[in-house]
Amino acid sequence: MTQDQLKQAVAQAALDHILPKLESRSVIGVGTGSTANFFIDALARHKMDFDGAVASSEATAERLKKHGIPVYELNGVNELEFYVDGADESNARLELIKGGGAALTREKIVAAVARTFICIADQSKLVERLGAFPLPVEVIPMARSHVARELVKLGGDPVYREGVKTDNGNVILDVHNLMIGHAPELEAQINNIVGVVTNGLFAARPADLLLLGTSEGVKTLTR
């Protein structure tokens, strides 16, 4: 199977998981990226079965609207039963690295609100140890150099992502060569650096369910 076919398979598996639980008033949190896009396209075929969605990025909101799915601001929603999104890496504890698409802050906020966080990914994203994928850190622009120096002290090699501005108007530092052992601790350490908005470790709030596309079919991992 091609990578796109694997992504399509896990997107459909996520839809199959949530459809029986949806009600007419349900609002779904939807992530950002190529795998999430496959989920949006599949979800559109059932848009009459739920109320609408909360998007983790402007790009996702636009795609949902093009399908005729109502998009709500998170502040106006009482609860999210599900949040469905991809990942750049996952370990066996369903701790993730996210942010390759620069939407990490809004993704983390939506994930925090959702009752169930479903991660959909192809088999290449499951790793023994997080960190081969550079860890994105969203930073207030004026603090970029200060944050970079602090990240070096933590053992990382931060690289400014040229030409990228987040939906929040901030910049991204991609941190290479981090040895990520205890992910929740490192997540907290980086978030405590003045000028950091958040970082792409989803360890304090990991996924609840990982649907992994493999050549043998979709595998389900839980915490």
N, C-alpha and C. Protein backbone atom coordinates (compact mmCIF):
# COMPACT_ATOMS: atom_id res chain seq x y z
N MET A 1 0.84 -1.20 0.00
CA MET A 1 0.00 0.00 0.00
C MET A 1 0.87 1.25 0.00
N THR A 2 0.42 2.27 -0.70
CA THR A 2 1.13 3.54 -0.68
C THR A 2 0.87 4.26 0.64
N GLN A 3 1.68 5.29 0.93
CA GLN A 3 1.49 6.04 2.16
C GLN A 3 0.11 6.70 2.18
N ASP A 4 -0.33 7.21 1.04
CA ASP A 4 -1.66 7.83 0.98
C ASP A 4 -2.76 6.81 1.26
N GLN A 5 -2.59 5.59 0.78
CA GLN A 5 -3.58 4.54 1.03
C GLN A 5 -3.63 4.18 2.51
N LEU A 6 -2.45 4.18 3.16
CA LEU A 6 -2.41 3.91 4.60
C LEU A 6 -3.11 5.03 5.37
N LYS A 7 -2.88 6.27 4.95
CA LYS A 7 -3.52 7.40 5.61
C LYS A 7 -5.04 7.35 5.42
N GLN A 8 -5.45 6.97 4.22
CA GLN A 8 -6.89 6.87 3.94
C GLN A 8 -7.52 5.78 4.79
N ALA A 9 -6.80 4.69 4.98
CA ALA A 9 -7.33 3.56 5.77
C ALA A 9 -7.51 3.96 7.23
N VAL A 10 -6.54 4.67 7.80
CA VAL A 10 -6.68 5.06 9.22
C VAL A 10 -7.72 6.16 9.39
N ALA A 11 -7.86 7.01 8.39
CA ALA A 11 -8.90 8.03 8.45
C ALA A 11 -10.28 7.38 8.48
N GLN A 12 -10.47 6.36 7.66
CA GLN A 12 -11.75 5.65 7.64
C GLN A 12 -11.96 4.89 8.94
N ALA A 13 -10.89 4.33 9.50
CA ALA A 13 -11.00 3.61 10.77
C ALA A 13 -11.42 4.55 11.89
N ALA A 14 -10.88 5.77 11.88
CA ALA A 14 -11.29 6.76 12.89
C ALA A 14 -12.76 7.12 12.73
N LEU A 15 -13.18 7.28 11.50
CA LEU A 15 -14.59 7.60 11.24
C LEU A 15 -15.48 6.45 11.71
N ASP A 16 -15.10 5.22 11.42
CA ASP A 16 -15.87 4.05 11.84
C ASP A 16 -15.96 3.98 13.36
N HIS A 17 -14.90 4.45 14.04
CA HIS A 17 -14.88 4.41 15.51
C HIS A 17 -15.86 5.42 16.11
N ILE A 18 -15.93 6.61 15.51
CA ILE A 18 -16.73 7.66 16.13
C ILE A 18 -18.18 7.69 15.66
N LEU A 19 -18.45 7.21 14.45
CA LEU A 19 -19.80 7.33 13.89
C LEU A 19 -20.90 6.78 14.80
N PRO A 20 -20.73 5.58 15.39
CA PRO A 20 -21.81 5.06 16.23
C PRO A 20 -22.10 5.91 17.46
N LYS A 21 -21.13 6.76 17.83
CA LYS A 21 -21.27 7.56 19.06
C LYS A 21 -21.72 8.99 18.79
N LEU A 22 -21.84 9.36 17.52
CA LEU A 22 -22.21 10.74 17.19
C LEU A 22 -23.70 10.98 17.37
N GLU A 23 -24.03 12.19 17.78
CA GLU A 23 -25.42 12.63 17.87
C GLU A 23 -25.57 13.91 17.06
N SER A 24 -26.79 14.32 16.85
CA SER A 24 -27.03 15.51 16.02
C SER A 24 -26.39 16.76 16.61
N ARG A 25 -26.17 16.78 17.93
CA ARG A 25 -25.58 17.95 18.57
C ARG A 25 -24.07 17.82 18.77
N SER A 26 -23.47 16.73 18.30
CA SER A 26 -22.04 16.49 18.51
C SER A 26 -21.19 17.48 17.72
N VAL A 27 -20.10 17.95 18.36
CA VAL A 27 -19.09 18.78 17.70
C VAL A 27 -17.76 18.02 17.80
N ILE A 28 -17.07 17.91 16.67
CA ILE A 28 -15.85 17.11 16.59
C ILE A 28 -14.65 18.02 16.43
N GLY A 29 -13.60 17.75 17.18
CA GLY A 29 -12.34 18.46 16.99
C GLY A 29 -11.57 17.81 15.85
N VAL A 30 -11.06 18.63 14.96
CA VAL A 30 -10.36 18.11 13.78
C VAL A 30 -8.98 18.74 13.66
N GLY A 31 -7.98 17.90 13.42
CA GLY A 31 -6.60 18.33 13.37
C GLY A 31 -6.16 18.86 12.01
N THR A 32 -4.84 18.95 11.86
CA THR A 32 -4.23 19.58 10.69
C THR A 32 -3.21 18.65 10.06
N GLY A 33 -3.14 18.69 8.73
CA GLY A 33 -2.13 17.91 8.04
C GLY A 33 -2.73 16.95 7.03
N SER A 34 -1.86 16.23 6.33
CA SER A 34 -2.32 15.38 5.23
C SER A 34 -3.21 14.24 5.69
N THR A 35 -2.89 13.62 6.83
CA THR A 35 -3.72 12.52 7.32
C THR A 35 -5.07 13.05 7.81
N ALA A 36 -5.05 14.17 8.50
CA ALA A 36 -6.30 14.79 8.95
C ALA A 36 -7.16 15.19 7.76
N ASN A 37 -6.54 15.58 6.66
CA ASN A 37 -7.31 15.94 5.47
C ASN A 37 -8.10 14.76 4.93
N PHE A 38 -7.50 13.58 4.96
CA PHE A 38 -8.23 12.37 4.54
C PHE A 38 -9.43 12.14 5.46
N PHE A 39 -9.25 12.42 6.75
CA PHE A 39 -10.37 12.26 7.69
C PHE A 39 -11.48 13.25 7.39
N ILE A 40 -11.11 14.50 7.10
CA ILE A 40 -12.11 15.52 6.78
C ILE A 40 -12.92 15.09 5.55
N ASP A 41 -12.24 14.60 4.54
CA ASP A 41 -12.92 14.20 3.31
C ASP A 41 -13.89 13.04 3.56
N ALA A 42 -13.48 12.12 4.44
CA ALA A 42 -14.38 10.99 4.77
C ALA A 42 -15.53 11.47 5.64
N LEU A 43 -15.23 12.38 6.57
CA LEU A 43 -16.25 12.90 7.49
C LEU A 43 -17.35 13.64 6.73
N ALA A 44 -16.99 14.28 5.64
CA ALA A 44 -17.95 15.09 4.88
C ALA A 44 -19.13 14.28 4.38
N ARG A 45 -18.92 13.00 4.15
CA ARG A 45 -20.01 12.15 3.66
C ARG A 45 -21.07 11.91 4.73
N HIS A 46 -20.76 12.28 5.97
CA HIS A 46 -21.70 12.04 7.09
C HIS A 46 -22.02 13.34 7.81
N LYS A 47 -21.94 14.47 7.11
CA LYS A 47 -22.10 15.77 7.77
C LYS A 47 -23.49 16.01 8.33
N MET A 48 -24.46 15.21 7.92
CA MET A 48 -25.81 15.36 8.47
C MET A 48 -25.96 14.63 9.81
N ASP A 49 -24.93 13.86 10.20
CA ASP A 49 -25.01 13.05 11.42
C ASP A 49 -24.49 13.77 12.66
N PHE A 50 -23.95 14.98 12.50
CA PHE A 50 -23.40 15.70 13.65
C PHE A 50 -23.58 17.21 13.41
N ASP A 51 -23.28 17.99 14.44
CA ASP A 51 -23.56 19.43 14.38
C ASP A 51 -22.49 20.19 13.61
N GLY A 52 -21.23 19.93 13.90
CA GLY A 52 -20.15 20.68 13.25
C GLY A 52 -18.81 20.31 13.84
N ALA A 53 -17.82 21.18 13.62
CA ALA A 53 -16.45 20.86 14.02
C ALA A 53 -15.75 22.10 14.58
N VAL A 54 -14.72 21.82 15.37
CA VAL A 54 -13.75 22.84 15.79
C VAL A 54 -12.44 22.51 15.08
N ALA A 55 -11.87 23.50 14.42
CA ALA A 55 -10.66 23.28 13.62
C ALA A 55 -9.42 23.72 14.39
N SER A 56 -8.32 22.99 14.18
CA SER A 56 -7.06 23.32 14.86
C SER A 56 -6.20 24.27 14.05
N SER A 57 -6.67 24.69 12.87
CA SER A 57 -5.90 25.63 12.05
C SER A 57 -6.84 26.30 11.06
N GLU A 58 -6.38 27.39 10.49
CA GLU A 58 -7.16 28.07 9.46
C GLU A 58 -7.31 27.19 8.22
N ALA A 59 -6.27 26.43 7.89
CA ALA A 59 -6.33 25.55 6.73
C ALA A 59 -7.38 24.47 6.91
N THR A 60 -7.46 23.91 8.11
CA THR A 60 -8.47 22.89 8.39
C THR A 60 -9.87 23.50 8.35
N ALA A 61 -10.02 24.68 8.92
CA ALA A 61 -11.32 25.35 8.90
C ALA A 61 -11.79 25.56 7.47
N GLU A 62 -10.89 25.97 6.60
CA GLU A 62 -11.23 26.22 5.21
C GLU A 62 -11.66 24.93 4.52
N ARG A 63 -10.96 23.84 4.79
CA ARG A 63 -11.32 22.56 4.15
C ARG A 63 -12.67 22.06 4.64
N LEU A 64 -12.93 22.21 5.93
CA LEU A 64 -14.22 21.81 6.49
C LEU A 64 -15.35 22.62 5.86
N LYS A 65 -15.16 23.92 5.76
CA LYS A 65 -16.19 24.79 5.18
C LYS A 65 -16.47 24.46 3.73
N LYS A 66 -15.43 24.11 2.99
CA LYS A 66 -15.61 23.75 1.58
C LYS A 66 -16.49 22.51 1.43
N HIS A 67 -16.45 21.66 2.45
CA HIS A 67 -17.30 20.47 2.45
C HIS A 67 -18.69 20.75 3.02
N GLY A 68 -18.94 21.99 3.43
CA GLY A 68 -20.24 22.32 3.99
C GLY A 68 -20.41 21.93 5.44
N ILE A 69 -19.30 21.70 6.16
CA ILE A 69 -19.35 21.35 7.57
C ILE A 69 -19.22 22.63 8.40
N PRO A 70 -20.19 22.94 9.26
CA PRO A 70 -20.10 24.14 10.09
C PRO A 70 -18.86 24.11 10.99
N VAL A 71 -18.18 25.24 11.10
CA VAL A 71 -16.98 25.35 11.94
C VAL A 71 -17.26 26.32 13.08
N TYR A 72 -17.01 25.86 14.31
CA TYR A 72 -17.29 26.67 15.49
C TYR A 72 -16.00 27.08 16.19
N GLU A 73 -16.05 28.22 16.86
CA GLU A 73 -14.96 28.63 17.73
C GLU A 73 -15.00 27.76 18.98
N LEU A 74 -13.83 27.39 19.48
CA LEU A 74 -13.77 26.53 20.65
C LEU A 74 -14.43 27.17 21.87
N ASN A 75 -14.32 28.49 21.99
CA ASN A 75 -14.90 29.19 23.14
C ASN A 75 -16.42 29.07 23.19
N GLY A 76 -17.03 28.77 22.06
CA GLY A 76 -18.48 28.65 22.03
C GLY A 76 -19.00 27.23 22.14
N VAL A 77 -18.09 26.28 22.41
CA VAL A 77 -18.47 24.87 22.47
C VAL A 77 -18.31 24.36 23.90
N ASN A 78 -19.33 23.68 24.39
CA ASN A 78 -19.29 23.18 25.77
C ASN A 78 -18.35 21.99 25.93
N GLU A 79 -18.36 21.10 24.96
CA GLU A 79 -17.50 19.91 25.07
C GLU A 79 -17.23 19.33 23.68
N LEU A 80 -16.12 18.62 23.59
CA LEU A 80 -15.77 17.86 22.39
C LEU A 80 -15.64 16.40 22.79
N GLU A 81 -16.46 15.56 22.19
CA GLU A 81 -16.36 14.14 22.50
C GLU A 81 -15.08 13.57 21.91
N PHE A 82 -14.73 14.00 20.69
CA PHE A 82 -13.57 13.46 20.00
C PHE A 82 -12.70 14.55 19.40
N TYR A 83 -11.40 14.29 19.39
CA TYR A 83 -10.46 15.07 18.60
C TYR A 83 -9.67 14.08 17.76
N VAL A 84 -9.65 14.28 16.46
CA VAL A 84 -8.96 13.37 15.54
C VAL A 84 -7.86 14.15 14.82
N ASP A 85 -6.63 13.63 14.91
CA ASP A 85 -5.49 14.32 14.31
C ASP A 85 -4.37 13.33 14.04
N GLY A 86 -3.44 13.74 13.21
CA GLY A 86 -2.28 12.92 12.91
C GLY A 86 -1.14 13.22 13.87
N ALA A 87 0.05 12.70 13.54
CA ALA A 87 1.24 12.95 14.36
C ALA A 87 2.48 12.78 13.49
N ASP A 88 3.55 13.41 13.93
CA ASP A 88 4.83 13.23 13.24
C ASP A 88 5.59 12.04 13.82
N GLU A 89 5.38 11.77 15.10
CA GLU A 89 5.94 10.58 15.76
C GLU A 89 5.03 10.18 16.91
N SER A 90 5.03 8.88 17.22
CA SER A 90 4.35 8.37 18.42
C SER A 90 5.19 7.26 19.00
N ASN A 91 5.21 7.18 20.33
CA ASN A 91 5.82 6.01 20.97
C ASN A 91 4.72 5.08 21.48
N ALA A 92 5.12 4.01 22.13
CA ALA A 92 4.15 3.00 22.58
C ALA A 92 3.23 3.52 23.67
N ARG A 93 3.63 4.61 24.34
CA ARG A 93 2.79 5.22 25.39
C ARG A 93 1.83 6.24 24.79
N LEU A 94 1.83 6.36 23.46
CA LEU A 94 1.00 7.30 22.72
C LEU A 94 1.35 8.75 23.03
N GLU A 95 2.58 8.97 23.51
CA GLU A 95 3.14 10.31 23.58
C GLU A 95 3.58 10.68 22.16
N LEU A 96 3.33 11.91 21.77
CA LEU A 96 3.49 12.29 20.37
C LEU A 96 4.45 13.45 20.20
N ILE A 97 5.01 13.56 18.99
CA ILE A 97 5.57 14.81 18.50
C ILE A 97 4.66 15.27 17.37
N LYS A 98 4.20 16.53 17.48
CA LYS A 98 3.35 17.14 16.48
C LYS A 98 3.88 18.54 16.17
N GLY A 99 3.41 19.11 15.07
CA GLY A 99 3.79 20.47 14.75
C GLY A 99 4.52 20.64 13.45
N GLY A 100 4.63 19.55 12.69
CA GLY A 100 5.26 19.66 11.38
C GLY A 100 4.54 20.64 10.47
N GLY A 101 3.24 20.80 10.71
CA GLY A 101 2.44 21.75 9.94
C GLY A 101 2.27 23.09 10.63
N ALA A 102 3.01 23.30 11.72
CA ALA A 102 3.04 24.57 12.46
C ALA A 102 1.73 24.91 13.17
N ALA A 103 0.88 23.91 13.42
CA ALA A 103 -0.40 24.17 14.09
C ALA A 103 -0.42 23.63 15.52
N LEU A 104 0.75 23.42 16.11
CA LEU A 104 0.85 22.69 17.37
C LEU A 104 0.10 23.32 18.53
N THR A 105 0.10 24.66 18.61
CA THR A 105 -0.55 25.29 19.76
C THR A 105 -2.05 25.08 19.74
N ARG A 106 -2.67 25.34 18.61
CA ARG A 106 -4.13 25.14 18.52
C ARG A 106 -4.47 23.65 18.63
N GLU A 107 -3.61 22.80 18.07
CA GLU A 107 -3.85 21.35 18.20
C GLU A 107 -3.81 20.94 19.66
N LYS A 108 -2.86 21.48 20.41
CA LYS A 108 -2.74 21.11 21.82
C LYS A 108 -3.93 21.61 22.62
N ILE A 109 -4.42 22.78 22.28
CA ILE A 109 -5.59 23.33 22.99
C ILE A 109 -6.83 22.47 22.73
N VAL A 110 -7.06 22.12 21.47
CA VAL A 110 -8.24 21.31 21.14
C VAL A 110 -8.13 19.93 21.79
N ALA A 111 -6.93 19.36 21.76
CA ALA A 111 -6.72 18.05 22.39
C ALA A 111 -7.00 18.10 23.89
N ALA A 112 -6.66 19.21 24.53
CA ALA A 112 -6.88 19.35 25.97
C ALA A 112 -8.35 19.36 26.32
N VAL A 113 -9.17 19.87 25.42
CA VAL A 113 -10.62 19.98 25.68
C VAL A 113 -11.34 18.67 25.38
N ALA A 114 -10.84 17.91 24.42
CA ALA A 114 -11.55 16.71 23.97
C ALA A 114 -11.54 15.59 25.00
N ARG A 115 -12.64 14.89 25.06
CA ARG A 115 -12.73 13.76 25.97
C ARG A 115 -11.88 12.58 25.47
N THR A 116 -11.87 12.38 24.16
CA THR A 116 -11.09 11.29 23.56
C THR A 116 -10.26 11.84 22.41
N PHE A 117 -8.95 11.63 22.48
CA PHE A 117 -8.02 12.08 21.45
C PHE A 117 -7.60 10.85 20.62
N ILE A 118 -8.03 10.84 19.37
CA ILE A 118 -7.70 9.74 18.47
C ILE A 118 -6.61 10.20 17.52
N CYS A 119 -5.48 9.53 17.56
CA CYS A 119 -4.38 9.84 16.66
C CYS A 119 -4.40 8.86 15.49
N ILE A 120 -4.28 9.38 14.28
CA ILE A 120 -4.26 8.53 13.09
C ILE A 120 -2.94 8.75 12.36
N ALA A 121 -2.26 7.65 12.05
CA ALA A 121 -0.93 7.76 11.46
C ALA A 121 -0.59 6.48 10.69
N ASP A 122 0.40 6.59 9.80
CA ASP A 122 0.89 5.38 9.13
C ASP A 122 2.00 4.77 9.97
N GLN A 123 2.37 3.54 9.65
CA GLN A 123 3.26 2.76 10.49
C GLN A 123 4.65 3.39 10.67
N SER A 124 5.05 4.25 9.75
CA SER A 124 6.37 4.88 9.86
C SER A 124 6.47 5.83 11.04
N LYS A 125 5.32 6.25 11.58
CA LYS A 125 5.31 7.24 12.66
C LYS A 125 5.52 6.62 14.05
N LEU A 126 5.41 5.30 14.16
CA LEU A 126 5.59 4.64 15.45
C LEU A 126 7.07 4.37 15.68
N VAL A 127 7.61 4.93 16.77
CA VAL A 127 9.04 4.82 17.05
C VAL A 127 9.26 4.33 18.49
N GLU A 128 10.45 3.79 18.73
CA GLU A 128 10.78 3.36 20.09
C GLU A 128 11.04 4.55 20.99
N ARG A 129 11.70 5.56 20.43
CA ARG A 129 12.06 6.75 21.22
C ARG A 129 11.79 8.00 20.38
N LEU A 130 11.09 8.96 20.97
CA LEU A 130 10.79 10.21 20.28
C LEU A 130 12.05 11.04 20.07
N GLY A 131 12.08 11.78 18.97
CA GLY A 131 13.15 12.74 18.79
C GLY A 131 13.86 12.70 17.46
N ALA A 132 13.68 11.63 16.67
CA ALA A 132 14.28 11.63 15.33
C ALA A 132 13.66 12.74 14.49
N PHE A 133 12.35 12.94 14.66
CA PHE A 133 11.69 14.08 14.01
C PHE A 133 11.98 15.32 14.85
N PRO A 134 12.48 16.40 14.25
CA PRO A 134 12.80 17.60 15.02
C PRO A 134 11.57 18.13 15.76
N LEU A 135 11.78 18.50 17.02
CA LEU A 135 10.67 18.95 17.87
C LEU A 135 10.34 20.41 17.59
N PRO A 136 9.12 20.69 17.09
CA PRO A 136 8.74 22.09 16.85
C PRO A 136 8.43 22.81 18.17
N VAL A 137 8.86 24.06 18.22
CA VAL A 137 8.57 24.92 19.37
C VAL A 137 8.03 26.24 18.82
N GLU A 138 6.81 26.61 19.25
CA GLU A 138 6.26 27.90 18.82
C GLU A 138 6.73 28.98 19.78
N VAL A 139 7.24 30.07 19.20
CA VAL A 139 7.94 31.09 19.98
C VAL A 139 7.43 32.49 19.61
N ILE A 140 7.26 33.35 20.63
CA ILE A 140 7.00 34.77 20.39
C ILE A 140 8.20 35.34 19.62
N PRO A 141 7.98 36.04 18.52
CA PRO A 141 9.10 36.45 17.65
C PRO A 141 10.26 37.15 18.36
N MET A 142 9.97 38.06 19.27
CA MET A 142 11.06 38.81 19.91
C MET A 142 11.91 37.93 20.83
N ALA A 143 11.40 36.76 21.19
CA ALA A 143 12.13 35.87 22.10
C ALA A 143 12.90 34.77 21.36
N ARG A 144 12.92 34.81 20.05
CA ARG A 144 13.48 33.71 19.27
C ARG A 144 14.93 33.37 19.67
N SER A 145 15.78 34.36 19.75
CA SER A 145 17.19 34.11 20.07
C SER A 145 17.36 33.62 21.50
N HIS A 146 16.62 34.24 22.43
CA HIS A 146 16.70 33.80 23.83
C HIS A 146 16.26 32.34 23.97
N VAL A 147 15.13 32.00 23.35
CA VAL A 147 14.62 30.63 23.45
C VAL A 147 15.61 29.66 22.82
N ALA A 148 16.18 30.04 21.69
CA ALA A 148 17.16 29.16 21.03
C ALA A 148 18.34 28.86 21.95
N ARG A 149 18.84 29.87 22.64
CA ARG A 149 19.97 29.65 23.57
C ARG A 149 19.58 28.70 24.69
N GLU A 150 18.35 28.84 25.20
CA GLU A 150 17.89 27.96 26.28
C GLU A 150 17.71 26.53 25.78
N LEU A 151 17.28 26.37 24.55
CA LEU A 151 17.11 25.03 23.99
C LEU A 151 18.46 24.34 23.79
N VAL A 152 19.47 25.12 23.45
CA VAL A 152 20.83 24.56 23.34
C VAL A 152 21.28 24.01 24.69
N LYS A 153 20.94 24.71 25.77
CA LYS A 153 21.31 24.25 27.12
C LYS A 153 20.65 22.91 27.45
N LEU A 154 19.50 22.64 26.81
CA LEU A 154 18.82 21.37 27.03
C LEU A 154 19.37 20.26 26.13
N GLY A 155 20.35 20.60 25.32
CA GLY A 155 20.98 19.59 24.47
C GLY A 155 20.49 19.56 23.04
N GLY A 156 19.61 20.50 22.68
CA GLY A 156 19.05 20.50 21.34
C GLY A 156 19.80 21.42 20.39
N ASP A 157 19.48 21.30 19.14
CA ASP A 157 20.05 22.13 18.09
C ASP A 157 18.89 22.82 17.37
N PRO A 158 18.48 24.00 17.86
CA PRO A 158 17.31 24.67 17.29
C PRO A 158 17.60 25.33 15.94
N VAL A 159 16.67 25.17 15.00
CA VAL A 159 16.80 25.76 13.68
C VAL A 159 15.52 26.56 13.40
N TYR A 160 15.69 27.82 13.06
CA TYR A 160 14.56 28.68 12.73
C TYR A 160 13.91 28.21 11.44
N ARG A 161 12.59 28.02 11.48
CA ARG A 161 11.86 27.58 10.29
C ARG A 161 11.58 28.82 9.42
N GLU A 162 12.41 29.02 8.44
CA GLU A 162 12.34 30.21 7.61
C GLU A 162 11.00 30.34 6.88
N GLY A 163 10.50 31.56 6.86
CA GLY A 163 9.31 31.86 6.06
C GLY A 163 8.01 31.33 6.60
N VAL A 164 7.99 30.84 7.85
CA VAL A 164 6.78 30.27 8.43
C VAL A 164 6.29 31.15 9.57
N LYS A 165 5.03 31.51 9.52
CA LYS A 165 4.38 32.21 10.61
C LYS A 165 3.15 31.40 10.99
N THR A 166 2.96 31.14 12.27
CA THR A 166 1.82 30.35 12.71
C THR A 166 0.53 31.15 12.59
N ASP A 167 -0.60 30.46 12.73
CA ASP A 167 -1.89 31.15 12.72
C ASP A 167 -2.01 32.15 13.86
N ASN A 168 -1.13 32.01 14.87
CA ASN A 168 -1.13 32.92 16.01
C ASN A 168 -0.14 34.07 15.83
N GLY A 169 0.53 34.12 14.68
CA GLY A 169 1.48 35.20 14.40
C GLY A 169 2.86 34.99 14.96
N ASN A 170 3.19 33.76 15.33
CA ASN A 170 4.48 33.46 15.94
C ASN A 170 5.39 32.70 14.99
N VAL A 171 6.60 32.38 15.47
CA VAL A 171 7.58 31.66 14.65
C VAL A 171 7.82 30.27 15.24
N ILE A 172 8.47 29.43 14.44
CA ILE A 172 8.76 28.06 14.85
C ILE A 172 10.26 27.83 14.89
N LEU A 173 10.72 27.23 15.99
CA LEU A 173 12.07 26.67 16.06
C LEU A 173 11.94 25.15 16.04
N ASP A 174 12.63 24.50 15.11
CA ASP A 174 12.66 23.04 15.06
C ASP A 174 13.92 22.56 15.76
N VAL A 175 13.74 21.76 16.81
CA VAL A 175 14.87 21.36 17.65
C VAL A 175 15.34 19.96 17.26
N HIS A 176 16.54 19.90 16.71
CA HIS A 176 17.14 18.64 16.28
C HIS A 176 17.98 18.05 17.41
N ASN A 177 18.24 16.76 17.29
CA ASN A 177 19.21 16.04 18.14
C ASN A 177 18.85 16.02 19.62
N LEU A 178 17.57 16.08 19.93
CA LEU A 178 17.14 15.93 21.32
C LEU A 178 17.02 14.46 21.67
N MET A 179 17.56 14.08 22.81
CA MET A 179 17.36 12.73 23.32
C MET A 179 16.17 12.79 24.28
N ILE A 180 15.01 12.35 23.81
CA ILE A 180 13.78 12.50 24.59
C ILE A 180 13.53 11.23 25.38
N GLY A 181 13.86 11.29 26.65
CA GLY A 181 13.64 10.15 27.53
C GLY A 181 12.27 10.25 28.19
N HIS A 182 12.18 11.08 29.23
CA HIS A 182 10.90 11.28 29.93
C HIS A 182 10.20 12.46 29.29
N ALA A 183 9.32 12.18 28.35
CA ALA A 183 8.71 13.23 27.53
C ALA A 183 7.90 14.25 28.32
N PRO A 184 7.09 13.86 29.30
CA PRO A 184 6.33 14.88 30.05
C PRO A 184 7.23 15.89 30.75
N GLU A 185 8.35 15.44 31.27
CA GLU A 185 9.28 16.34 31.95
C GLU A 185 9.89 17.34 30.96
N LEU A 186 10.31 16.85 29.80
CA LEU A 186 10.90 17.75 28.81
C LEU A 186 9.86 18.72 28.27
N GLU A 187 8.64 18.25 28.08
CA GLU A 187 7.56 19.13 27.62
C GLU A 187 7.39 20.31 28.58
N ALA A 188 7.38 20.01 29.87
CA ALA A 188 7.22 21.06 30.88
C ALA A 188 8.43 21.99 30.91
N GLN A 189 9.63 21.43 30.81
CA GLN A 189 10.85 22.24 30.82
C GLN A 189 10.85 23.27 29.70
N ILE A 190 10.53 22.81 28.49
CA ILE A 190 10.54 23.72 27.34
C ILE A 190 9.43 24.75 27.47
N ASN A 191 8.25 24.33 27.91
CA ASN A 191 7.14 25.28 28.06
C ASN A 191 7.43 26.36 29.09
N ASN A 192 8.35 26.07 30.03
CA ASN A 192 8.68 27.03 31.08
C ASN A 192 9.71 28.07 30.64
N ILE A 193 10.26 27.92 29.43
CA ILE A 193 11.19 28.93 28.92
C ILE A 193 10.38 30.17 28.54
N VAL A 194 10.77 31.31 29.04
CA VAL A 194 10.07 32.56 28.74
C VAL A 194 10.13 32.83 27.24
N GLY A 195 8.97 33.08 26.66
CA GLY A 195 8.90 33.32 25.22
C GLY A 195 8.37 32.15 24.43
N VAL A 196 8.34 30.98 25.05
CA VAL A 196 7.76 29.80 24.39
C VAL A 196 6.25 29.83 24.56
N VAL A 197 5.52 29.64 23.47
CA VAL A 197 4.07 29.50 23.53
C VAL A 197 3.73 28.07 23.94
N THR A 198 4.24 27.12 23.19
CA THR A 198 4.18 25.72 23.57
C THR A 198 5.11 24.95 22.65
N ASN A 199 5.32 23.68 22.96
CA ASN A 199 6.16 22.84 22.10
C ASN A 199 5.36 21.63 21.62
N GLY A 200 5.91 20.94 20.64
CA GLY A 200 5.19 19.87 19.96
C GLY A 200 5.17 18.53 20.65
N LEU A 201 5.62 18.47 21.89
CA LEU A 201 5.46 17.22 22.65
C LEU A 201 4.05 17.15 23.23
N PHE A 202 3.35 16.10 22.89
CA PHE A 202 2.02 15.83 23.45
C PHE A 202 2.19 14.65 24.39
N ALA A 203 2.70 14.94 25.58
CA ALA A 203 3.00 13.89 26.55
C ALA A 203 2.20 14.07 27.83
N ALA A 204 2.03 15.31 28.29
CA ALA A 204 1.16 15.56 29.43
C ALA A 204 -0.27 15.17 29.09
N ARG A 205 -0.63 15.38 27.82
CA ARG A 205 -1.93 14.93 27.32
C ARG A 205 -1.65 14.13 26.03
N PRO A 206 -1.33 12.84 26.20
CA PRO A 206 -1.07 12.00 25.02
C PRO A 206 -2.37 11.60 24.34
N ALA A 207 -2.25 10.88 23.25
CA ALA A 207 -3.44 10.34 22.59
C ALA A 207 -4.05 9.24 23.46
N ASP A 208 -5.34 9.05 23.33
CA ASP A 208 -6.02 7.95 24.01
C ASP A 208 -6.05 6.70 23.15
N LEU A 209 -6.04 6.91 21.84
CA LEU A 209 -6.16 5.81 20.89
C LEU A 209 -5.28 6.14 19.69
N LEU A 210 -4.46 5.17 19.26
CA LEU A 210 -3.65 5.35 18.06
C LEU A 210 -4.08 4.32 17.03
N LEU A 211 -4.55 4.82 15.90
CA LEU A 211 -4.91 3.96 14.77
C LEU A 211 -3.77 4.04 13.78
N LEU A 212 -3.11 2.91 13.59
CA LEU A 212 -1.87 2.87 12.83
C LEU A 212 -2.08 2.10 11.54
N GLY A 213 -1.87 2.76 10.42
CA GLY A 213 -2.00 2.12 9.12
C GLY A 213 -0.78 1.29 8.79
N THR A 214 -0.97 -0.01 8.57
CA THR A 214 0.13 -0.91 8.22
C THR A 214 -0.24 -1.68 6.97
N SER A 215 0.75 -2.37 6.42
CA SER A 215 0.50 -3.20 5.23
C SER A 215 -0.42 -4.37 5.54
N GLU A 216 -0.55 -4.71 6.83
CA GLU A 216 -1.46 -5.80 7.24
C GLU A 216 -2.82 -5.28 7.68
N GLY A 217 -3.03 -3.99 7.54
CA GLY A 217 -4.31 -3.40 7.96
C GLY A 217 -4.10 -2.40 9.08
N VAL A 218 -5.19 -1.87 9.61
CA VAL A 218 -5.12 -0.85 10.65
C VAL A 218 -4.99 -1.53 12.01
N LYS A 219 -3.94 -1.15 12.74
CA LYS A 219 -3.73 -1.65 14.08
C LYS A 219 -4.17 -0.61 15.11
N THR A 220 -4.73 -1.07 16.21
CA THR A 220 -5.23 -0.18 17.25
C THR A 220 -4.37 -0.29 18.49
N LEU A 221 -3.82 0.83 18.95
CA LEU A 221 -3.03 0.88 20.17
C LEU A 221 -3.72 1.79 21.16
N THR A 222 -3.76 1.37 22.42
CA THR A 222 -4.36 2.18 23.48
C THR A 222 -3.37 2.31 24.64
N ARG A 223 -3.62 3.32 25.47
CA ARG A 223 -2.76 3.49 26.66
C ARG A 223 -3.23 2.57 27.77
